[in-house]
């Protein structure tokens, strides 16, 4: 075998191979980081959507029960709906809902209520009791039930003509004896920064003025619905 056949790579060829290898490694690392960020974002989005659906479904089922009584010929449940405006975290509203238990049951935090007893559930938004969380949560009767609820607002549809339909909706000052429908909106937020850029978006909950822009990278979603009350 001659000497020429035994020669290895030249210095230029070696440097070129190293450069190509580094570039490939950089592309692989970049793709890995981007994929990981996308997975974190998708996981956070799924969590926010799941939490939002749970929260809004819970409020819907409770509002529908407001004023329910075993015997509709008896006197209405007193203070079936009580609203407090801007009393919670981030100027969130609170709502107290009362109705009679039709079976031996519990309130929203598990306190037993006998048949015919009045269930009282008060929903509001407060700072979390968990010091590891930096976001507010939805509370019921003073117990944290859903983390990441940053704001909650209500509007009340009043029947002003006696036909059972809401003629107008107001955010505050409604005559609760005339309320036949309720609109509710909640703002869900992730605990961690999962976006690539500072959000800077403004969110509106029902007819209130848009919230100030947020200067973080957390993901947010608004969930809202209208509920007809049939237990007046």
Protein backbone atom coordinates (compact mmCIF):
# COMPACT_ATOMS: atom_id res chain seq x y z
CA UNK A 1 0.00 0.00 0.00
CA UNK A 2 1.50 3.33 -1.00
CA UNK A 3 1.88 6.30 1.31
CA UNK A 4 -0.83 8.39 -0.41
CA UNK A 5 -3.51 5.83 0.39
CA UNK A 6 -2.63 6.01 4.10
CA UNK A 7 -3.11 9.79 4.50
CA UNK A 8 -5.95 11.02 6.82
CA UNK A 9 -8.03 14.16 6.74
CA UNK A 10 -6.40 17.47 6.14
CA UNK A 11 -6.77 20.24 8.71
CA UNK A 12 -9.24 22.10 6.46
CA UNK A 13 -11.35 18.99 6.01
CA UNK A 14 -11.31 18.35 9.75
CA UNK A 15 -12.40 21.90 10.55
CA UNK A 16 -15.12 21.71 7.91
CA UNK A 17 -16.42 18.43 9.38
CA UNK A 18 -16.43 19.94 12.89
CA UNK A 19 -18.33 23.00 11.65
CA UNK A 20 -20.95 20.87 9.94
CA UNK A 21 -21.28 18.76 13.08
CA UNK A 22 -21.73 21.81 15.27
CA UNK A 23 -24.35 23.21 12.92
CA UNK A 24 -26.24 19.94 12.96
CA UNK A 25 -26.01 19.81 16.73
CA UNK A 26 -27.32 23.38 16.95
CA UNK A 27 -30.28 22.54 14.72
CA UNK A 28 -31.06 19.48 16.83
CA UNK A 29 -30.90 21.47 20.08
CA UNK A 30 -33.04 24.24 18.61
CA UNK A 31 -35.64 21.74 17.43
CA UNK A 32 -35.64 20.05 20.84
CA UNK A 33 -36.13 23.37 22.68
CA UNK A 34 -38.89 24.46 20.28
CA UNK A 35 -40.65 21.11 20.64
CA UNK A 36 -40.41 21.28 24.41
CA UNK A 37 -41.82 24.83 24.44
CA UNK A 38 -44.67 23.75 22.14
CA UNK A 39 -45.48 20.83 24.43
CA UNK A 40 -45.51 23.12 27.49
CA UNK A 41 -47.82 25.54 25.68
CA UNK A 42 -50.19 22.80 24.54
CA UNK A 43 -50.27 21.25 28.02
CA UNK A 44 -51.01 24.65 29.54
CA UNK A 45 -53.73 25.35 26.97
CA UNK A 46 -55.37 21.98 27.68
CA UNK A 47 -55.23 22.63 31.42
CA UNK A 48 -56.76 26.11 31.08
CA UNK A 49 -59.55 24.82 28.84
CA UNK A 50 -60.31 21.92 31.17
CA UNK A 51 -60.32 24.18 34.24
CA UNK A 52 -62.45 26.79 32.46
CA UNK A 53 -65.06 24.23 31.42
CA UNK A 54 -65.18 22.78 34.93
CA UNK A 55 -65.54 26.20 36.55
CA UNK A 56 -68.21 27.47 34.20
CA UNK A 57 -70.19 24.18 34.39
CA UNK A 58 -70.09 24.31 38.19
CA UNK A 59 -71.37 27.88 38.28
CA UNK A 60 -74.05 27.06 35.72
CA UNK A 61 -75.40 24.10 37.71
CA UNK A 62 -75.41 26.11 40.95
CA UNK A 63 -77.09 29.18 39.43
CA UNK A 64 -79.78 26.97 37.89
CA UNK A 65 -80.55 25.64 41.36
CA UNK A 66 -80.93 29.09 42.94
CA UNK A 67 -84.27 29.47 44.66
CA UNK A 68 -85.22 25.80 44.25
CA UNK A 69 -87.68 24.54 46.88
CA UNK A 70 -89.28 21.16 47.45
CA UNK A 71 -92.80 22.57 47.38
CA UNK A 72 -93.24 25.33 44.79
CA UNK A 73 -96.40 26.50 46.55
CA UNK A 74 -94.45 27.51 49.66
CA UNK A 75 -92.71 30.84 50.17
CA UNK A 76 -89.65 31.48 47.99
CA UNK A 77 -86.20 30.80 49.40
CA UNK A 78 -85.01 34.04 50.97
CA UNK A 79 -82.02 35.73 49.33
CA UNK A 80 -81.70 33.02 46.69
CA UNK A 81 -79.18 35.20 44.85
CA UNK A 82 -76.97 37.77 46.55
CA UNK A 83 -74.42 39.66 44.47
CA UNK A 84 -71.44 41.68 45.67
CA UNK A 85 -69.67 43.85 43.10
CA UNK A 86 -65.87 44.14 42.90
CA UNK A 87 -65.21 42.60 46.32
CA UNK A 88 -62.69 39.92 45.31
CA UNK A 89 -59.19 39.81 43.88
CA UNK A 90 -58.71 41.97 40.78
CA UNK A 91 -62.14 43.57 41.45
CA UNK A 92 -63.92 40.26 40.92
CA UNK A 93 -67.58 39.82 41.85
CA UNK A 94 -68.95 37.32 44.32
CA UNK A 95 -72.27 35.48 44.25
CA UNK A 96 -74.17 33.69 46.99
CA UNK A 97 -76.67 31.03 45.88
CA UNK A 98 -79.32 29.45 48.11
CA UNK A 99 -81.73 26.57 47.48
CA UNK A 100 -83.37 23.70 49.32
CA UNK A 101 -81.80 20.26 49.31
CA UNK A 102 -84.12 17.68 47.74
CA UNK A 103 -82.11 14.78 49.20
CA UNK A 104 -79.63 14.48 52.02
CA UNK A 105 -76.68 16.18 50.44
CA UNK A 106 -73.86 18.63 50.96
CA UNK A 107 -72.87 22.16 50.13
CA UNK A 108 -69.95 22.91 47.80
CA UNK A 109 -67.33 22.03 50.41
CA UNK A 110 -68.96 18.86 51.77
CA UNK A 111 -70.92 20.13 54.77
CA UNK A 112 -73.97 17.85 55.19
CA UNK A 113 -77.43 19.33 54.50
CA UNK A 114 -80.59 17.37 55.32
CA UNK A 115 -83.61 17.15 53.00
CA UNK A 116 -85.41 20.49 53.01
CA UNK A 117 -82.46 22.31 54.51
CA UNK A 118 -81.17 25.38 52.70
CA UNK A 119 -77.85 24.97 50.89
CA UNK A 120 -75.82 28.19 50.81
CA UNK A 121 -72.84 28.45 48.46
CA UNK A 122 -70.83 31.65 48.11
CA UNK A 123 -68.43 31.88 45.17
CA UNK A 124 -65.66 34.45 45.04
CA UNK A 125 -62.10 34.98 43.79
CA UNK A 126 -59.25 35.30 46.29
CA UNK A 127 -55.51 34.92 46.46
CA UNK A 128 -54.60 31.26 46.72
CA UNK A 129 -53.93 29.72 50.13
CA UNK A 130 -51.11 27.75 48.50
CA UNK A 131 -47.99 29.91 48.82
CA UNK A 132 -46.44 28.13 45.83
CA UNK A 133 -49.10 29.69 43.57
CA UNK A 134 -48.93 33.29 42.45
CA UNK A 135 -52.38 33.38 40.80
CA UNK A 136 -55.80 33.83 42.46
CA UNK A 137 -58.31 30.99 42.70
CA UNK A 138 -62.05 30.41 42.75
CA UNK A 139 -63.30 29.81 46.28
CA UNK A 140 -66.59 28.45 47.57
CA UNK A 141 -67.57 29.05 51.19
CA UNK A 142 -63.99 30.03 51.94
CA UNK A 143 -62.45 26.88 50.46
CA UNK A 144 -60.24 26.98 47.37
CA UNK A 145 -61.87 24.84 44.66
CA UNK A 146 -60.26 25.92 41.36
CA UNK A 147 -56.79 27.47 40.97
CA UNK A 148 -56.04 29.98 38.24
CA UNK A 149 -59.33 31.91 38.19
CA UNK A 150 -58.05 35.48 37.85
CA UNK A 151 -61.36 37.30 37.51
CA UNK A 152 -65.12 36.63 37.68
CA UNK A 153 -68.00 38.89 36.65
CA UNK A 154 -71.79 38.60 36.63
CA UNK A 155 -74.68 40.32 34.89
CA UNK A 156 -78.32 39.90 35.86
CA UNK A 157 -81.28 39.80 33.50
CA UNK A 158 -84.38 41.43 34.97
CA UNK A 159 -87.95 40.68 33.93
CA UNK A 160 -89.57 44.11 33.95
CA UNK A 161 -92.82 43.14 32.22
CA UNK A 162 -93.80 39.94 34.00
CA UNK A 163 -93.53 37.71 30.94
CA UNK A 164 -90.70 35.58 32.37
CA UNK A 165 -88.06 36.88 29.94
CA UNK A 166 -85.16 39.19 30.69
CA UNK A 167 -85.71 42.70 29.32
CA UNK A 168 -82.30 44.08 30.25
CA UNK A 169 -79.04 42.99 31.86
CA UNK A 170 -77.21 44.99 34.51
CA UNK A 171 -73.89 44.35 36.21
CA UNK A 172 -74.86 45.96 39.48
CA UNK A 173 -77.95 47.13 41.32
CA UNK A 174 -80.39 44.56 39.96
CA UNK A 175 -83.59 43.81 41.86
CA UNK A 176 -82.92 40.16 42.58
CA UNK A 177 -86.63 39.46 42.94
CA UNK A 178 -86.98 40.24 39.22
CA UNK A 179 -83.90 38.35 38.01
CA UNK A 180 -84.74 35.51 35.63
CA UNK A 181 -81.32 34.98 34.02
CA UNK A 182 -77.66 35.37 34.89
CA UNK A 183 -74.60 35.85 32.72
CA UNK A 184 -71.24 34.79 34.13
CA UNK A 185 -67.69 35.11 32.83
CA UNK A 186 -64.42 33.90 34.32
CA UNK A 187 -60.84 34.56 33.27
CA UNK A 188 -58.49 31.56 33.57
CA UNK A 189 -54.71 31.95 33.64
CA UNK A 190 -51.74 29.58 33.72
CA UNK A 191 -49.47 29.55 36.74
CA UNK A 192 -46.30 29.61 34.64
CA UNK A 193 -45.07 31.69 31.72
CA UNK A 194 -45.63 29.53 28.65
CA UNK A 195 -45.67 32.12 25.88
CA UNK A 196 -42.74 33.33 23.83
CA UNK A 197 -43.62 37.03 24.08
CA UNK A 198 -45.10 39.34 26.68
CA UNK A 199 -48.83 39.06 26.20
CA UNK A 200 -50.04 42.67 26.33
CA UNK A 201 -53.62 41.64 25.48
CA UNK A 202 -56.78 43.20 26.93
CA UNK A 203 -59.63 40.94 28.03
CA UNK A 204 -63.29 41.85 28.40
CA UNK A 205 -65.63 39.98 30.74
CA UNK A 206 -69.21 40.63 29.69
CA UNK A 207 -69.90 44.36 29.35
CA UNK A 208 -67.24 45.63 31.72
CA UNK A 209 -64.39 47.75 30.42
CA UNK A 210 -61.43 45.70 29.10
CA UNK A 211 -58.94 44.73 31.78
CA UNK A 212 -55.58 46.45 31.67
CA UNK A 213 -53.03 44.74 29.39
CA UNK A 214 -51.05 41.99 31.08
CA UNK A 215 -47.26 42.28 31.02
CA UNK A 216 -46.37 38.62 31.47
CA UNK A 217 -46.14 35.50 29.31
CA UNK A 218 -48.97 33.58 30.92
CA UNK A 219 -51.74 32.09 28.82
CA UNK A 220 -55.29 33.36 29.48
CA UNK A 221 -58.75 32.43 28.28
CA UNK A 222 -62.22 33.86 28.99
CA UNK A 223 -65.16 31.47 29.53
CA UNK A 224 -68.72 32.77 29.67
CA UNK A 225 -72.33 31.63 29.47
CA UNK A 226 -75.90 32.62 30.22
CA UNK A 227 -78.16 30.73 32.63
CA UNK A 228 -81.95 30.89 32.81
CA UNK A 229 -83.40 30.69 36.34
CA UNK A 230 -86.62 28.66 36.59
CA UNK A 231 -87.12 28.44 40.36
CA UNK A 232 -88.55 31.88 41.10
